[in-house]
Amino acid sequence: MSTHTQATTPSDPASQGTHQYVITLEIPGSVSGTYFGTCSPVDSTRHDVFTDLRRQIALDNPDLARGNVVFFALEPNQL
């Protein structure tokens, strides 16, 4: 089983988005991937962000297009 992790934003705090996300997809016994980063959704719902992330992951990694969602989090990017 291979695992892929991807950072999608630079580490410069001034360029970070309003929200931080983590999503893990898996095809059991085959492949899994964890993706994380920041985004600034405008006029979007949590579901919109989720489906946009799934769509982008599927474009970049066709093996995970039908992967099971193991974990998804979308939180404000503030302490």
N, C-alpha and C. Protein backbone atom coordinates (compact mmCIF):
# COMPACT_ATOMS: atom_id res chain seq x y z
N MET A 1 0.84 -1.16 0.00
CA MET A 1 0.00 0.00 0.00
C MET A 1 0.89 1.23 0.00
N SER A 2 0.61 2.17 -0.89
CA SER A 2 1.39 3.40 -0.90
C SER A 2 0.59 4.52 -0.24
N THR A 3 1.30 5.48 0.29
CA THR A 3 0.68 6.62 0.94
C THR A 3 1.25 7.88 0.34
N HIS A 4 0.38 8.85 0.11
CA HIS A 4 0.81 10.11 -0.47
C HIS A 4 0.36 11.24 0.44
N THR A 5 1.25 12.17 0.71
CA THR A 5 0.92 13.35 1.51
C THR A 5 1.31 14.56 0.71
N GLN A 6 0.43 15.56 0.70
CA GLN A 6 0.68 16.73 -0.12
C GLN A 6 0.35 18.01 0.65
N ALA A 7 1.27 18.95 0.65
CA ALA A 7 0.99 20.28 1.19
C ALA A 7 0.62 21.17 0.02
N THR A 8 -0.44 21.93 0.16
CA THR A 8 -0.92 22.70 -0.97
C THR A 8 -0.76 24.20 -0.82
N THR A 9 -0.16 24.65 0.27
CA THR A 9 0.02 26.08 0.45
C THR A 9 1.41 26.37 0.99
N PRO A 10 1.92 27.56 0.72
CA PRO A 10 3.22 27.93 1.28
C PRO A 10 3.11 28.14 2.79
N SER A 11 4.25 28.13 3.47
CA SER A 11 4.25 28.25 4.92
C SER A 11 4.24 29.71 5.40
N ASP A 12 4.28 30.67 4.50
CA ASP A 12 4.25 32.09 4.86
C ASP A 12 2.89 32.44 5.46
N PRO A 13 2.82 32.84 6.75
CA PRO A 13 1.52 33.11 7.39
C PRO A 13 0.69 34.16 6.67
N ALA A 14 1.32 35.12 6.02
CA ALA A 14 0.58 36.17 5.34
C ALA A 14 -0.21 35.64 4.14
N SER A 15 0.20 34.51 3.59
CA SER A 15 -0.46 33.97 2.40
C SER A 15 -1.39 32.80 2.72
N GLN A 16 -1.56 32.47 3.99
CA GLN A 16 -2.42 31.35 4.35
C GLN A 16 -3.88 31.75 4.23
N GLY A 17 -4.72 30.77 3.92
CA GLY A 17 -6.14 31.01 3.75
C GLY A 17 -6.88 31.12 5.06
N THR A 18 -8.17 31.33 4.95
CA THR A 18 -9.02 31.50 6.12
C THR A 18 -9.37 30.17 6.80
N HIS A 19 -9.22 29.06 6.06
CA HIS A 19 -9.56 27.74 6.59
C HIS A 19 -8.43 26.75 6.32
N GLN A 20 -8.29 25.78 7.20
CA GLN A 20 -7.30 24.70 7.05
C GLN A 20 -8.08 23.40 6.87
N TYR A 21 -7.62 22.56 5.95
CA TYR A 21 -8.29 21.28 5.70
C TYR A 21 -7.31 20.12 5.75
N VAL A 22 -7.86 18.95 6.08
CA VAL A 22 -7.15 17.68 6.00
C VAL A 22 -8.15 16.68 5.46
N ILE A 23 -7.76 15.92 4.45
CA ILE A 23 -8.62 14.88 3.90
C ILE A 23 -7.77 13.65 3.59
N THR A 24 -8.26 12.49 3.99
CA THR A 24 -7.58 11.22 3.71
C THR A 24 -8.54 10.34 2.93
N LEU A 25 -8.06 9.82 1.81
CA LEU A 25 -8.82 8.88 0.98
C LEU A 25 -8.06 7.56 0.92
N GLU A 26 -8.79 6.47 0.79
CA GLU A 26 -8.15 5.15 0.75
C GLU A 26 -8.94 4.19 -0.12
N ILE A 27 -8.21 3.41 -0.89
CA ILE A 27 -8.74 2.22 -1.54
C ILE A 27 -8.12 1.08 -0.74
N PRO A 28 -8.92 0.39 0.09
CA PRO A 28 -8.36 -0.61 1.00
C PRO A 28 -7.46 -1.62 0.31
N GLY A 29 -6.30 -1.81 0.91
CA GLY A 29 -5.34 -2.78 0.39
C GLY A 29 -4.61 -2.33 -0.85
N SER A 30 -4.84 -1.11 -1.31
CA SER A 30 -4.23 -0.66 -2.56
C SER A 30 -3.46 0.65 -2.39
N VAL A 31 -4.16 1.73 -2.15
CA VAL A 31 -3.52 3.04 -2.10
C VAL A 31 -4.29 3.94 -1.14
N SER A 32 -3.58 4.87 -0.52
CA SER A 32 -4.22 5.88 0.32
C SER A 32 -3.47 7.19 0.14
N GLY A 33 -4.12 8.27 0.49
CA GLY A 33 -3.49 9.57 0.39
C GLY A 33 -4.08 10.54 1.39
N THR A 34 -3.22 11.32 2.00
CA THR A 34 -3.63 12.37 2.91
C THR A 34 -3.20 13.69 2.31
N TYR A 35 -4.13 14.63 2.23
CA TYR A 35 -3.90 15.94 1.62
C TYR A 35 -4.28 17.00 2.64
N PHE A 36 -3.48 18.06 2.72
CA PHE A 36 -3.78 19.12 3.67
C PHE A 36 -3.33 20.45 3.10
N GLY A 37 -3.91 21.50 3.60
CA GLY A 37 -3.54 22.82 3.13
C GLY A 37 -4.52 23.84 3.66
N THR A 38 -4.47 25.03 3.07
CA THR A 38 -5.38 26.09 3.46
C THR A 38 -6.13 26.58 2.23
N CYS A 39 -7.28 27.18 2.48
CA CYS A 39 -8.08 27.75 1.41
C CYS A 39 -8.90 28.89 1.97
N SER A 40 -9.44 29.71 1.09
CA SER A 40 -10.30 30.82 1.49
C SER A 40 -11.61 30.73 0.70
N PRO A 41 -12.51 29.87 1.14
CA PRO A 41 -13.77 29.71 0.41
C PRO A 41 -14.62 30.98 0.49
N VAL A 42 -15.16 31.38 -0.65
CA VAL A 42 -16.02 32.55 -0.72
C VAL A 42 -17.40 32.07 -1.19
N ASP A 43 -18.41 32.39 -0.42
CA ASP A 43 -19.78 31.97 -0.75
C ASP A 43 -19.86 30.47 -1.00
N SER A 44 -19.16 29.69 -0.18
CA SER A 44 -19.14 28.24 -0.31
C SER A 44 -19.62 27.61 0.99
N THR A 45 -20.14 26.41 0.88
CA THR A 45 -20.49 25.64 2.05
C THR A 45 -19.37 24.63 2.33
N ARG A 46 -19.45 24.00 3.48
CA ARG A 46 -18.49 22.94 3.82
C ARG A 46 -18.55 21.84 2.76
N HIS A 47 -19.76 21.51 2.31
CA HIS A 47 -19.92 20.48 1.28
C HIS A 47 -19.27 20.91 -0.05
N ASP A 48 -19.40 22.18 -0.41
CA ASP A 48 -18.76 22.68 -1.63
C ASP A 48 -17.25 22.47 -1.57
N VAL A 49 -16.65 22.82 -0.44
CA VAL A 49 -15.20 22.65 -0.29
C VAL A 49 -14.84 21.17 -0.37
N PHE A 50 -15.59 20.32 0.31
CA PHE A 50 -15.36 18.88 0.29
C PHE A 50 -15.39 18.34 -1.14
N THR A 51 -16.44 18.66 -1.90
CA THR A 51 -16.55 18.13 -3.26
C THR A 51 -15.47 18.71 -4.18
N ASP A 52 -15.10 19.97 -3.97
CA ASP A 52 -14.01 20.55 -4.76
C ASP A 52 -12.68 19.85 -4.48
N LEU A 53 -12.41 19.55 -3.20
CA LEU A 53 -11.19 18.83 -2.86
C LEU A 53 -11.18 17.43 -3.47
N ARG A 54 -12.30 16.71 -3.36
CA ARG A 54 -12.39 15.36 -3.95
C ARG A 54 -12.15 15.41 -5.45
N ARG A 55 -12.75 16.40 -6.10
CA ARG A 55 -12.60 16.54 -7.56
C ARG A 55 -11.14 16.80 -7.92
N GLN A 56 -10.48 17.69 -7.20
CA GLN A 56 -9.09 18.01 -7.50
C GLN A 56 -8.17 16.82 -7.24
N ILE A 57 -8.41 16.10 -6.15
CA ILE A 57 -7.60 14.91 -5.85
C ILE A 57 -7.78 13.87 -6.95
N ALA A 58 -9.00 13.67 -7.41
CA ALA A 58 -9.27 12.70 -8.48
C ALA A 58 -8.56 13.08 -9.78
N LEU A 59 -8.51 14.38 -10.08
CA LEU A 59 -7.80 14.83 -11.28
C LEU A 59 -6.31 14.58 -11.17
N ASP A 60 -5.76 14.85 -9.98
CA ASP A 60 -4.32 14.69 -9.77
C ASP A 60 -3.91 13.23 -9.54
N ASN A 61 -4.83 12.43 -8.98
CA ASN A 61 -4.53 11.03 -8.62
C ASN A 61 -5.72 10.15 -8.97
N PRO A 62 -5.85 9.77 -10.23
CA PRO A 62 -7.01 8.98 -10.68
C PRO A 62 -7.25 7.70 -9.87
N ASP A 63 -6.19 7.14 -9.29
CA ASP A 63 -6.36 5.93 -8.48
C ASP A 63 -7.25 6.17 -7.27
N LEU A 64 -7.31 7.40 -6.80
CA LEU A 64 -8.11 7.72 -5.61
C LEU A 64 -9.48 8.31 -5.94
N ALA A 65 -9.84 8.36 -7.20
CA ALA A 65 -11.11 8.97 -7.61
C ALA A 65 -12.31 8.32 -6.92
N ARG A 66 -12.24 7.04 -6.66
CA ARG A 66 -13.34 6.33 -6.01
C ARG A 66 -12.96 5.87 -4.61
N GLY A 67 -11.98 6.53 -4.03
CA GLY A 67 -11.50 6.16 -2.70
C GLY A 67 -12.51 6.45 -1.61
N ASN A 68 -12.43 5.67 -0.55
CA ASN A 68 -13.25 5.89 0.64
C ASN A 68 -12.68 7.07 1.41
N VAL A 69 -13.55 7.90 1.94
CA VAL A 69 -13.11 9.01 2.78
C VAL A 69 -12.88 8.45 4.18
N VAL A 70 -11.65 8.49 4.62
CA VAL A 70 -11.28 8.00 5.94
C VAL A 70 -11.36 9.15 6.95
N PHE A 71 -11.01 10.35 6.50
CA PHE A 71 -11.01 11.50 7.39
C PHE A 71 -11.20 12.77 6.58
N PHE A 72 -11.98 13.71 7.13
CA PHE A 72 -12.13 15.03 6.53
C PHE A 72 -12.34 16.05 7.64
N ALA A 73 -11.56 17.12 7.60
CA ALA A 73 -11.73 18.22 8.55
C ALA A 73 -11.54 19.52 7.81
N LEU A 74 -12.39 20.49 8.13
CA LEU A 74 -12.29 21.85 7.59
C LEU A 74 -12.59 22.79 8.75
N GLU A 75 -11.58 23.54 9.15
CA GLU A 75 -11.70 24.39 10.34
C GLU A 75 -11.17 25.79 10.03
N PRO A 76 -11.67 26.80 10.76
CA PRO A 76 -11.07 28.14 10.61
C PRO A 76 -9.58 28.08 10.91
N ASN A 77 -8.80 28.81 10.16
CA ASN A 77 -7.35 28.79 10.29
C ASN A 77 -6.90 29.87 11.27
N GLN A 78 -7.29 29.70 12.52
CA GLN A 78 -6.90 30.64 13.56
C GLN A 78 -6.72 29.92 14.87
N LEU A 79 -5.97 30.48 15.75
CA LEU A 79 -5.79 29.91 17.09
C LEU A 79 -6.54 30.75 18.10
